Protein backbone atom coordinates (compact mmCIF):
# COMPACT_ATOMS: atom_id res chain seq x y z
CA MET A 1 117.32 73.36 124.36
CA LEU A 2 119.54 76.92 123.28
CA PHE A 3 121.31 76.32 119.63
CA SER A 4 123.24 78.77 119.17
CA PRO A 5 125.10 77.88 115.02
CA LYS A 6 127.48 80.71 114.36
CA ASN A 7 128.20 79.87 111.10
CA ILE A 8 125.21 79.15 108.62
CA LEU A 9 125.05 78.38 104.99
CA VAL A 10 121.72 79.36 103.51
CA CYS A 11 120.85 77.77 100.24
CA GLY A 12 118.02 79.73 98.25
CA GLY A 13 119.28 83.68 99.60
CA SER A 14 118.76 85.11 97.10
CA GLY A 15 115.28 84.34 96.30
CA PHE A 16 112.58 86.25 98.45
CA ILE A 17 111.56 84.66 101.33
CA GLY A 18 115.57 83.44 101.76
CA SER A 19 117.02 87.03 101.25
CA ASN A 20 114.43 88.04 103.69
CA PHE A 21 115.86 85.21 106.32
CA ILE A 22 119.39 86.55 105.76
CA ARG A 23 118.06 90.08 106.81
CA TYR A 24 116.44 88.97 109.46
CA ILE A 25 119.20 86.75 110.80
CA TYR A 26 122.24 89.64 110.07
CA ASN A 27 120.26 91.81 111.90
CA LYS A 28 119.39 89.56 114.78
CA TYR A 29 122.51 88.46 116.06
CA PRO A 30 125.59 90.23 115.54
CA GLY A 31 128.30 87.39 115.94
CA TYR A 32 126.77 85.26 113.21
CA LYS A 33 128.64 84.60 110.03
CA ILE A 34 126.10 84.06 106.92
CA PHE A 35 126.19 82.18 103.38
CA ASN A 36 124.33 82.39 100.94
CA LEU A 37 124.65 80.18 98.10
CA ASP A 38 122.54 80.54 94.71
CA LEU A 39 122.64 79.56 91.49
CA LEU A 40 120.68 82.91 90.76
CA THR A 41 118.30 81.30 88.35
CA TYR A 42 114.98 83.79 87.31
CA ALA A 43 114.60 84.25 90.63
CA GLY A 44 117.71 84.72 93.03
CA ASN A 45 118.27 88.38 91.96
CA PRO A 46 121.40 89.43 93.69
CA GLU A 47 119.73 92.93 94.30
CA ASN A 48 117.54 91.57 96.70
CA LEU A 49 120.29 91.26 99.08
CA LEU A 50 121.59 95.41 97.62
CA ASP A 51 121.27 96.41 101.54
CA ILE A 52 123.59 94.01 102.93
CA GLU A 53 126.08 93.87 100.64
CA GLN A 54 126.09 97.58 100.81
CA LYS A 55 126.69 97.37 104.74
CA GLU A 56 129.53 94.83 104.54
CA ALA A 57 131.33 96.80 101.79
CA ALA A 58 132.51 99.74 104.88
CA VAL A 59 133.70 96.47 106.70
CA ASP A 60 137.43 95.55 107.56
CA LEU A 61 137.75 92.13 105.87
CA VAL A 62 137.58 90.34 108.86
CA LYS A 63 134.45 92.21 109.86
CA LYS A 64 132.50 90.49 107.37
CA ARG A 65 129.52 88.48 108.18
CA TYR A 66 127.53 88.12 104.86
CA ASN A 67 129.75 85.81 101.88
CA PHE A 68 128.14 85.05 98.41
CA ILE A 69 128.85 81.85 96.91
CA HIS A 70 127.87 81.33 94.07
CA GLY A 71 127.08 76.99 92.64
CA ASP A 72 124.29 74.62 92.17
CA ILE A 73 123.28 72.55 95.17
CA CYS A 74 122.95 69.34 93.07
CA ASP A 75 126.65 69.94 92.48
CA GLY A 76 127.66 66.86 95.18
CA ALA A 77 131.61 68.21 95.02
CA PHE A 78 131.61 71.29 94.69
CA LEU A 79 128.99 71.37 98.47
CA ASN A 80 132.24 69.18 99.74
CA ASP A 81 134.40 71.50 99.47
CA ILE A 82 132.19 74.07 100.28
CA PHE A 83 131.17 72.21 103.81
CA PHE A 84 135.10 71.91 104.58
CA GLN A 85 136.45 75.03 103.72
CA ASN A 86 133.46 76.38 105.88
CA ASN A 87 133.02 74.20 108.84
CA PHE A 88 129.02 75.04 108.56
CA ASP A 89 127.10 74.35 111.81
CA ILE A 90 123.65 75.32 110.38
CA VAL A 91 122.36 74.46 106.60
CA VAL A 92 119.02 76.31 105.59
CA ASN A 93 117.43 74.89 102.57
CA PHE A 94 115.22 77.59 100.88
CA ALA A 95 116.62 76.04 97.41
CA ALA A 96 113.97 75.26 95.05
CA GLU A 97 112.03 75.80 91.88
CA SER A 98 108.70 77.43 94.01
CA HIS A 99 106.53 78.78 90.33
CA VAL A 100 103.45 76.14 89.97
CA ASP A 101 103.36 77.06 86.91
CA ARG A 102 106.38 76.56 85.47
CA SER A 103 105.98 72.96 87.09
CA PHE A 104 103.23 73.10 84.94
CA VAL A 105 106.30 73.73 81.69
CA ASN A 106 109.54 71.55 82.33
CA SER A 107 108.74 69.60 85.44
CA PHE A 108 111.96 68.53 85.10
CA ASP A 109 114.32 71.78 86.65
CA PHE A 110 111.58 71.60 89.20
CA ILE A 111 113.01 67.06 90.31
CA ARG A 112 116.37 68.19 89.51
CA THR A 113 116.40 71.43 92.16
CA ASN A 114 114.39 70.45 94.94
CA VAL A 115 113.95 66.66 95.13
CA GLU A 116 118.58 66.01 93.82
CA GLY A 117 119.02 69.46 95.68
CA ALA A 118 117.79 68.25 98.90
CA ARG A 119 120.00 65.31 98.38
CA SER A 120 122.88 66.61 97.84
CA LEU A 121 122.49 69.01 101.13
CA VAL A 122 121.61 66.58 103.60
CA GLU A 123 124.16 64.33 102.23
CA ALA A 124 126.24 66.77 102.65
CA ALA A 125 125.32 67.51 106.09
CA ARG A 126 125.70 64.41 107.54
CA LYS A 127 128.89 63.62 105.92
CA HIS A 128 130.19 66.31 106.97
CA ASN A 129 129.04 66.36 110.25
CA VAL A 130 125.79 69.48 110.63
CA ALA A 131 124.60 70.19 113.79
CA ARG A 132 121.08 71.30 111.77
CA PHE A 133 119.77 70.77 108.99
CA VAL A 134 116.67 72.90 108.39
CA GLN A 135 114.87 71.56 104.67
CA ILE A 136 112.09 74.56 104.47
CA SER A 137 109.21 72.22 102.72
CA THR A 138 105.30 73.88 102.35
CA ASP A 139 101.79 73.39 103.23
CA GLU A 140 101.02 72.80 98.68
CA ILE A 141 102.53 68.79 100.02
CA TYR A 142 99.03 67.77 102.05
CA GLY A 143 97.14 69.46 98.82
CA SER A 144 93.43 70.50 98.66
CA VAL A 145 91.53 70.70 102.06
CA PRO A 146 87.37 71.04 101.54
CA ASN A 147 87.46 70.93 105.68
CA GLY A 148 89.55 71.05 108.22
CA PHE A 149 92.64 71.93 109.19
CA SER A 150 96.18 69.46 108.08
CA THR A 151 97.85 68.86 111.16
CA GLU A 152 101.70 67.83 110.97
CA GLU A 153 99.92 63.44 110.82
CA ALA A 154 98.27 64.08 107.26
CA PRO A 155 98.93 62.47 104.32
CA PHE A 156 100.86 63.97 101.82
CA ARG A 157 98.58 64.83 98.60
CA PRO A 158 100.19 66.76 95.81
CA SER A 159 98.60 67.86 93.58
CA ASN A 160 101.18 69.31 90.91
CA PRO A 161 104.73 68.59 89.29
CA TYR A 162 106.33 71.07 91.89
CA ALA A 163 104.02 70.01 95.06
CA ALA A 164 104.42 66.27 94.49
CA SER A 165 108.64 67.52 93.92
CA LYS A 166 108.35 68.91 97.55
CA ALA A 167 106.43 65.99 99.06
CA ALA A 168 109.97 64.09 97.81
CA ALA A 169 111.83 66.48 99.38
CA ASP A 170 110.27 66.28 102.83
CA LEU A 171 110.27 62.30 102.89
CA LEU A 172 113.66 62.24 101.84
CA VAL A 173 115.04 64.36 104.66
CA GLN A 174 112.16 62.43 106.97
CA SER A 175 114.57 58.48 105.21
CA TYR A 176 118.14 60.91 106.55
CA ILE A 177 116.81 61.44 110.01
CA LYS A 178 115.75 58.00 110.43
CA THR A 179 118.40 55.96 108.41
CA HIS A 180 121.25 58.56 109.71
CA ARG A 181 119.78 60.16 112.62
CA VAL A 182 120.89 63.42 110.54
CA PRO A 183 119.88 66.13 113.17
CA ALA A 184 117.51 67.13 110.66
CA LEU A 185 114.47 69.74 111.29
CA ILE A 186 111.41 70.42 108.50
CA VAL A 187 109.66 73.78 108.01
CA ARG A 188 105.76 73.41 105.89
CA GLY A 189 104.99 76.87 105.06
CA SER A 190 101.96 78.25 103.71
CA ASN A 191 102.05 80.77 101.12
CA ASN A 192 104.46 83.94 102.18
CA TYR A 193 104.02 87.48 101.19
CA GLY A 194 105.61 90.77 101.92
CA PRO A 195 108.54 92.83 99.77
CA PHE A 196 111.49 91.60 97.09
CA GLN A 197 108.44 88.54 96.10
CA TYR A 198 108.74 87.70 92.40
CA PRO A 199 106.36 89.76 90.40
CA GLU A 200 104.98 86.37 89.25
CA LYS A 201 103.02 85.64 92.46
CA LEU A 202 100.28 87.41 93.00
CA ILE A 203 100.37 90.60 95.45
CA PRO A 204 103.69 91.70 93.39
CA LEU A 205 101.54 90.84 89.84
CA ALA A 206 98.40 92.86 91.53
CA VAL A 207 100.21 95.87 92.95
CA SER A 208 102.47 96.22 90.03
CA ASN A 209 99.64 95.71 87.12
CA ILE A 210 97.92 98.17 89.04
CA ILE A 211 100.86 100.58 89.04
CA GLU A 212 100.91 99.65 84.82
CA GLY A 213 97.26 100.37 84.54
CA LYS A 214 97.18 96.64 83.67
CA LYS A 215 94.48 94.28 83.98
CA VAL A 216 94.55 91.46 87.24
CA PRO A 217 94.93 87.98 85.87
CA VAL A 218 92.46 85.61 88.27
CA HIS A 219 92.64 81.72 87.97
CA GLY A 220 89.02 80.45 87.93
CA SER A 221 86.71 81.63 89.83
CA GLY A 222 89.04 83.92 92.68
CA GLU A 223 87.33 81.59 95.07
CA HIS A 224 91.01 79.76 96.24
CA ARG A 225 91.62 80.04 99.48
CA ARG A 226 94.95 80.21 101.09
CA SER A 227 96.86 80.92 104.19
CA TRP A 228 98.57 84.38 103.65
CA LEU A 229 101.84 84.60 105.88
CA HIS A 230 103.87 87.06 106.66
CA VAL A 231 107.18 86.40 105.38
CA ASN A 232 108.56 88.03 109.16
CA ASP A 233 106.56 85.68 110.20
CA PHE A 234 107.52 82.91 108.78
CA CYS A 235 111.17 83.85 109.83
CA ASP A 236 110.41 83.93 113.07
CA ALA A 237 109.45 81.04 112.68
CA ILE A 238 112.00 79.63 111.55
CA ASP A 239 114.94 81.42 114.03
CA LEU A 240 112.93 79.79 116.94
CA ILE A 241 112.52 76.47 115.22
CA ILE A 242 116.47 76.38 114.51
CA HIS A 243 117.34 78.13 118.66
CA GLU A 244 114.34 75.93 120.08
CA ALA A 245 113.27 72.75 118.44
CA THR A 246 114.40 69.42 119.27
CA ASP A 247 115.62 67.27 116.06
CA HIS A 248 113.97 65.76 114.09
CA SER A 249 110.77 67.79 114.55
CA ILE A 250 108.52 68.56 111.28
CA PHE A 251 106.60 71.85 112.59
CA ASN A 252 103.73 73.64 109.74
CA VAL A 253 103.94 77.48 109.89
CA SER A 254 100.01 78.85 109.17
CA GLY A 255 98.98 82.64 109.01
CA GLU A 256 95.82 83.98 108.14
CA GLU A 257 92.70 82.28 105.65
CA LYS A 258 91.64 83.66 102.53
CA SER A 259 90.46 83.87 99.33
CA ASN A 260 92.43 85.23 96.09
CA LEU A 261 89.50 87.27 95.19
CA GLU A 262 89.81 88.49 99.35
CA ILE A 263 93.27 89.84 98.69
CA LEU A 264 92.64 91.36 95.54
CA GLU A 265 89.93 93.99 97.47
CA ILE A 266 92.31 94.42 99.74
CA ILE A 267 94.83 95.66 97.33
CA SER A 268 92.38 97.24 95.11
CA LYS A 269 91.69 99.34 98.63
CA ASN A 270 94.60 101.01 99.08
CA PHE A 271 94.24 102.80 95.08
CA GLY A 272 91.50 104.06 96.47
CA GLY A 273 88.85 101.73 94.68
CA SER A 274 87.24 97.80 93.89
CA SER A 275 88.64 95.29 91.99
CA GLU A 276 85.75 94.62 89.74
CA GLY A 277 87.63 97.22 87.29
CA LEU A 278 90.88 95.66 87.59
CA LYS A 279 90.83 91.99 87.24
CA GLU A 280 89.89 89.75 84.51
CA HIS A 281 89.09 86.35 84.82
CA THR A 282 91.45 83.33 82.86
CA LYS A 283 91.11 79.32 82.83
CA ASP A 284 92.11 77.90 86.27
CA ARG A 285 95.37 75.67 86.18
CA PRO A 286 95.27 72.29 85.43
CA GLY A 287 94.20 69.94 88.80
CA ALA A 288 94.19 73.73 91.21
CA ASP A 289 93.90 73.03 94.62
CA LEU A 290 91.54 75.21 95.78
CA ARG A 291 92.15 75.40 99.45
CA TYR A 292 95.07 74.72 101.78
CA ALA A 293 95.27 74.58 105.55
CA PRO A 294 98.14 73.96 107.18
CA ASP A 295 97.65 73.80 111.82
CA SER A 296 100.51 75.74 113.21
CA SER A 297 98.96 74.00 116.93
CA LYS A 298 101.89 72.63 117.67
CA LEU A 299 103.64 75.27 116.91
CA LYS A 300 102.47 77.22 119.29
CA LEU A 301 101.86 75.27 121.73
CA GLU A 302 105.90 73.47 121.39
CA LEU A 303 107.61 76.79 121.31
CA GLY A 304 105.18 79.78 121.76
CA TRP A 305 104.60 81.06 118.12
CA PHE A 306 102.15 83.17 117.04
CA PRO A 307 101.97 85.61 114.52
CA LYS A 308 102.28 89.36 114.71
CA TYR A 309 101.71 91.19 111.45
CA ASN A 310 97.38 91.15 110.56
CA ILE A 311 97.11 90.82 106.41
CA GLU A 312 94.59 93.63 105.90
CA GLY A 313 96.79 96.03 107.72
CA SER A 314 100.16 95.35 106.51
CA LEU A 315 99.19 95.05 102.53
CA THR A 316 99.04 98.34 103.43
CA ASP A 317 102.61 98.91 104.14
CA ILE A 318 103.64 95.47 101.41
CA VAL A 319 101.96 97.10 98.35
CA SER A 320 103.72 100.97 99.76
CA TRP A 321 107.06 98.90 99.11
CA TYR A 322 106.15 97.94 95.62
CA LYS A 323 105.38 101.70 94.51
CA ASP A 324 108.57 102.59 96.59
CA ASN A 325 110.10 100.33 94.56
CA GLN A 326 109.37 100.09 91.10
CA ASP A 327 112.86 100.33 89.44
CA TRP A 328 113.34 96.67 91.27
CA TRP A 329 110.60 95.00 89.94
CA ARG A 330 109.65 96.48 86.67
CA LYS A 331 113.60 95.09 86.20
CA ILE A 332 112.20 91.82 85.93
CA LYS A 333 108.81 92.24 84.08
CA SER A 334 111.09 93.95 81.20
CA LYS A 335 113.09 90.37 80.81
CA LYS A 336 111.67 87.53 78.06
CA ASN A 337 112.03 85.14 80.67
CA TYR A 338 109.41 86.89 82.77
CA GLN A 339 107.43 87.80 79.86
CA ASP A 340 107.24 85.08 77.88
CA HIS A 341 106.12 82.98 80.64
CA TYR A 342 103.25 86.12 81.53
CA GLU A 343 101.76 85.30 78.60
CA ARG A 344 101.03 81.61 79.61
CA GLN A 345 100.09 82.15 83.20
CA VAL A 346 97.34 84.93 81.51
CA LYS A 347 96.06 82.46 79.17
CA ALA A 348 96.35 79.56 81.84
CA GLU A 349 97.83 77.74 79.12
CA TYR A 350 100.72 75.95 79.95
CA TYR A 351 101.21 72.74 77.32
């Protein structure tokens, strides 16, 4: 089966993964029209797609392939209007509150955006007969996996409000598949890294703090293990799933397993030294998961996907990107919202 959409709605397209996905699709498929729906909360940044905006400014209105829509995915009446007006072939939902630390402080925003937002979108997709709906889920729904790997059939054991809200959204979409036969797909990604990542996350936080001459806060022992996936590999996997997967499929997308300390050591090498003098250990997060281990064998077997990026080599390019784009992350780190949360993050004090 080869699915070829023409009008694509990307929800949360001004965030880290969403903006990289829009850039990927925009450059690969010149015949596709992309609509970016984003509320532009703290992690949604219009500058993430400035290059696309500049390209679009130089073309005639009838040839425009990218359109930004400012709005809330929880607003059903608003969704009804834009779905009616634009006749979307596919909806890809990246929109989410995704910062685990923040879910300790205010779980309400996570439940509203991640659960009610997903419900509103999949309901609009059902009502307007959208040909494909893609829910972007996460490996964190499986919880900590001390041994072995999590297949798509593994039970959900979320450990924090963020993961619980994503698990709920995942189950909601599954219920729409079973009850309404909505042609939906679910993609469970692992820890993405790459350009335009909000600098609360480990890699951009480490690089930017080292540049600023600050210590890099490391939760607990730093031995927490994650599956690290380059954002371009994730975009490639989603692209393949959209175009070639059968309806109602669920896929894990995983990368390369490394501990947080190993990641920090690789970053430190790019600054000519060891991480030993660059880090400071803090209290661990409440209920911290020690290991995520999604198994993406199904995606490799059924669709032939394999990651192209090696983390040790690609981190050199990522470090260079953050070195070369300091204005981008310095603007974010100068905001009060960021600074207030950073103080809690460094001390691991969320209550």
